Amino acid sequence: MVPADIRCLCLDVDGVLTDGRLFVDDDGRPLRAFDVQDGFALRWFQRSGGVVAIVTGKSSRGLVHRATELGIEHVVQGSEDKLRDLQRVLEATGIEPRQTAVLGDDLPDLPLLLSVGLPLAVANAVEEVRAAAQYVTIRTGGAGAVREVVELIMRASGRWEEVVEHYRRQGTDGRRDGGTEGRRVEGTEARREG
């Protein structure tokens, strides 16, 4: 059972926010691909009052850019002690470990998983991490696993339905306001202002 009071989601990067593969350009810079549905879910988790923390052993300017784009304030790169770094984030935010979920994939994530209220593993995590997890995702890292756990956490507190309702209302409002559903729209003369 997922606790309804999870306030912080802590994520690893390689293998969790990405599929774990590193593409290296001719200048030796690593390139990563991030899943847009993961990003969508992380924005809504934060909008609903959740805190996202990223704690990773590597450093990347690309990660800083992605975190900034998503409004993630708590990013620890080059971590040599992930547990200590997560504890610092929790102290700074006033969130208790029992109110924290961690999504990991490999052994450096194990200390975090063993210290929080909701330990989670991506489907492609190593055996030891999957064994420590309360929930193992269906989706793999970098392919919607983060979205899956955000939905899981937000459904437990009833917050995901609020997100869905937000978009349902937009669709319903559009139909009532003379939206274009079911009508063919041509050229600019049919464009709604607004």
Protein backbone atom coordinates (compact mmCIF):
# COMPACT_ATOMS: atom_id res chain seq x y z
CA MET A 1 0.00 0.00 0.00
CA VAL A 2 1.27 3.44 -0.94
CA PRO A 3 1.26 6.00 1.91
CA ALA A 4 -1.02 8.95 1.18
CA ASP A 5 1.36 11.45 2.78
CA ILE A 6 4.36 11.20 0.43
CA ARG A 7 5.69 14.74 0.04
CA CYS A 8 9.10 14.17 -1.56
CA LEU A 9 10.15 12.10 -4.55
CA CYS A 10 13.89 11.53 -4.86
CA LEU A 11 15.25 10.33 -8.20
CA ASP A 12 18.48 9.00 -9.58
CA VAL A 13 19.33 10.06 -13.14
CA ASP A 14 21.04 7.38 -15.22
CA GLY A 15 18.73 4.39 -15.39
CA VAL A 16 15.79 6.22 -13.78
CA LEU A 17 15.21 9.56 -15.50
CA THR A 18 17.08 8.14 -18.51
CA ASP A 19 17.38 4.64 -19.92
CA GLY A 20 20.93 4.42 -18.60
CA ARG A 21 22.64 4.68 -21.97
CA LEU A 22 25.14 7.47 -22.51
CA PHE A 23 25.73 8.87 -25.95
CA VAL A 24 29.12 10.57 -26.16
CA ASP A 25 29.74 13.27 -28.75
CA ASP A 26 33.05 13.89 -30.54
CA ASP A 27 34.16 16.24 -27.76
CA GLY A 28 33.56 13.59 -25.09
CA ARG A 29 30.38 15.17 -23.71
CA PRO A 30 27.71 12.70 -22.57
CA LEU A 31 24.22 13.15 -23.95
CA ARG A 32 21.08 11.79 -22.30
CA ALA A 33 17.47 11.49 -23.39
CA PHE A 34 14.68 12.32 -20.95
CA ASP A 35 11.06 11.14 -21.23
CA VAL A 36 8.54 13.96 -21.74
CA GLN A 37 5.76 12.10 -19.90
CA ASP A 38 8.05 11.82 -16.88
CA GLY A 39 8.55 15.58 -17.04
CA PHE A 40 4.82 16.25 -17.34
CA ALA A 41 4.13 14.17 -14.23
CA LEU A 42 6.96 15.78 -12.24
CA ARG A 43 5.56 19.25 -12.97
CA TRP A 44 2.13 18.21 -11.67
CA PHE A 45 3.60 16.55 -8.59
CA GLN A 46 5.29 19.85 -7.74
CA ARG A 47 2.19 21.91 -8.56
CA SER A 48 0.25 19.79 -6.09
CA GLY A 49 2.76 20.59 -3.32
CA GLY A 50 5.29 17.78 -3.79
CA VAL A 51 9.04 18.27 -3.69
CA VAL A 52 11.29 16.59 -6.25
CA ALA A 53 14.93 15.93 -5.45
CA ILE A 54 17.53 14.56 -7.83
CA VAL A 55 20.59 12.92 -6.30
CA THR A 56 23.16 11.52 -8.72
CA GLY A 57 26.78 10.47 -8.66
CA LYS A 58 27.52 12.11 -12.00
CA SER A 59 27.54 15.73 -13.10
CA SER A 60 25.97 17.11 -16.25
CA ARG A 61 25.08 20.56 -17.54
CA GLY A 62 22.27 18.88 -19.47
CA LEU A 63 20.73 17.70 -16.21
CA VAL A 64 20.88 21.21 -14.77
CA HIS A 65 19.06 22.48 -17.87
CA ARG A 66 16.37 19.76 -17.64
CA ALA A 67 15.87 20.27 -13.90
CA THR A 68 15.55 24.03 -14.39
CA GLU A 69 13.06 23.48 -17.18
CA LEU A 70 10.95 21.33 -14.83
CA GLY A 71 11.30 23.69 -11.86
CA ILE A 72 13.24 21.16 -9.76
CA GLU A 73 15.21 23.09 -7.14
CA HIS A 74 16.91 20.25 -5.26
CA VAL A 75 19.60 18.78 -7.52
CA VAL A 76 22.71 17.17 -6.07
CA GLN A 77 25.31 16.14 -8.65
CA GLY A 78 28.59 14.37 -8.06
CA SER A 79 27.24 12.79 -4.89
CA GLU A 80 29.64 10.50 -3.09
CA ASP A 81 27.12 9.75 -0.33
CA LYS A 82 23.56 9.77 -1.67
CA LEU A 83 21.99 9.09 1.70
CA ARG A 84 23.74 12.03 3.36
CA ASP A 85 22.77 14.28 0.45
CA LEU A 86 19.12 13.23 0.58
CA GLN A 87 19.10 13.80 4.35
CA ARG A 88 20.31 17.37 3.72
CA VAL A 89 17.48 17.96 1.25
CA LEU A 90 14.94 16.60 3.73
CA GLU A 91 16.32 18.78 6.53
CA ALA A 92 16.14 21.85 4.28
CA THR A 93 12.53 21.13 3.30
CA GLY A 94 11.26 19.89 6.67
CA ILE A 95 10.13 16.59 5.15
CA GLU A 96 10.52 13.36 7.11
CA PRO A 97 12.07 10.22 5.59
CA ARG A 98 8.75 8.37 6.04
CA GLN A 99 7.13 11.01 3.77
CA THR A 100 9.71 10.36 1.06
CA ALA A 101 9.75 8.07 -1.94
CA VAL A 102 12.96 7.09 -3.71
CA LEU A 103 13.08 5.61 -7.22
CA GLY A 104 16.34 3.83 -7.95
CA ASP A 105 17.97 1.31 -10.26
CA ASP A 106 21.41 0.33 -8.96
CA LEU A 107 23.38 -0.38 -5.79
CA PRO A 108 24.30 3.25 -4.97
CA ASP A 109 20.55 3.84 -4.53
CA LEU A 110 20.15 1.02 -2.00
CA PRO A 111 20.95 3.06 1.17
CA LEU A 112 18.28 5.57 0.18
CA LEU A 113 15.69 2.87 -0.48
CA LEU A 114 16.31 1.35 2.94
CA SER A 115 15.80 4.68 4.73
CA VAL A 116 12.52 6.06 3.32
CA GLY A 117 8.80 5.43 3.57
CA LEU A 118 8.31 4.37 -0.03
CA PRO A 119 11.22 2.56 -1.73
CA LEU A 120 10.66 2.12 -5.47
CA ALA A 121 12.62 0.44 -8.27
CA VAL A 122 12.44 0.73 -12.03
CA ALA A 123 11.65 -2.47 -13.93
CA ASN A 124 15.23 -2.75 -15.19
CA ALA A 125 16.83 -2.26 -11.76
CA VAL A 126 19.40 -4.70 -10.44
CA GLU A 127 18.07 -7.59 -8.36
CA GLU A 128 19.12 -6.17 -4.98
CA VAL A 129 17.31 -2.89 -5.65
CA ARG A 130 14.15 -4.64 -6.83
CA ALA A 131 14.22 -6.79 -3.67
CA ALA A 132 14.41 -3.68 -1.44
CA ALA A 133 11.54 -1.94 -3.23
CA GLN A 134 7.96 -1.86 -2.05
CA TYR A 135 6.93 -1.38 -5.69
CA VAL A 136 8.71 -2.20 -8.96
CA THR A 137 7.52 -0.27 -11.99
CA ILE A 138 6.17 -1.89 -15.13
CA ARG A 139 7.96 0.70 -17.26
CA THR A 140 11.73 0.96 -17.46
CA GLY A 141 13.91 3.90 -16.56
CA GLY A 142 13.79 6.68 -19.15
CA ALA A 143 10.60 5.20 -20.63
CA GLY A 144 7.85 6.35 -18.30
CA ALA A 145 8.85 4.76 -14.97
CA VAL A 146 8.91 8.17 -13.26
CA ARG A 147 5.45 8.99 -14.64
CA GLU A 148 4.22 5.64 -13.35
CA VAL A 149 5.39 6.30 -9.77
CA VAL A 150 4.15 9.89 -9.75
CA GLU A 151 0.71 8.63 -10.73
CA LEU A 152 0.95 5.91 -8.07
CA ILE A 153 1.84 8.44 -5.36
CA MET A 154 -0.71 11.03 -6.44
CA ARG A 155 -3.50 8.46 -6.80
CA ALA A 156 -2.89 7.35 -3.20
CA SER A 157 -3.73 10.86 -2.00
CA GLY A 158 -6.43 11.58 -4.58
CA ARG A 159 -4.36 14.24 -6.31
CA TRP A 160 -4.01 12.50 -9.69
CA GLU A 161 -7.75 12.66 -10.31
CA GLU A 162 -7.49 16.45 -9.87
CA VAL A 163 -4.94 16.53 -12.70
CA VAL A 164 -7.18 14.45 -14.94
CA GLU A 165 -10.19 16.63 -14.07
CA HIS A 166 -8.18 19.73 -15.00
CA TYR A 167 -7.88 18.47 -18.56
CA ARG A 168 -11.41 17.08 -18.71
CA ARG A 169 -12.72 20.53 -17.76
CA GLN A 170 -10.67 22.11 -20.52
CA GLY A 171 -12.22 19.76 -23.04
CA THR A 172 -15.73 20.26 -21.70
CA ASP A 173 -15.30 24.04 -21.55
CA GLY A 174 -14.11 24.04 -25.15
CA ARG A 175 -17.25 22.27 -26.35
CA ARG A 176 -19.52 24.63 -24.42
CA ASP A 177 -17.63 27.67 -25.71
CA GLY A 178 -18.07 26.73 -29.35
CA GLY A 179 -14.96 24.56 -29.55
CA THR A 180 -14.03 22.93 -32.82
CA GLU A 181 -14.64 19.31 -31.83
CA GLY A 182 -16.56 17.53 -34.56
CA ARG A 183 -16.28 20.45 -37.00
CA ARG A 184 -13.87 20.90 -39.83
CA VAL A 185 -11.77 24.02 -39.38
CA GLU A 186 -10.13 25.62 -42.37
CA GLY A 187 -7.87 28.62 -42.67
CA THR A 188 -7.46 31.41 -40.19
CA GLU A 189 -11.01 32.72 -40.26
CA ALA A 190 -12.19 29.91 -37.97
CA ARG A 191 -9.40 30.42 -35.42
CA ARG A 192 -10.71 31.25 -31.97
CA GLU A 193 -9.19 34.19 -30.19
CA GLY A 194 -8.33 33.82 -26.67
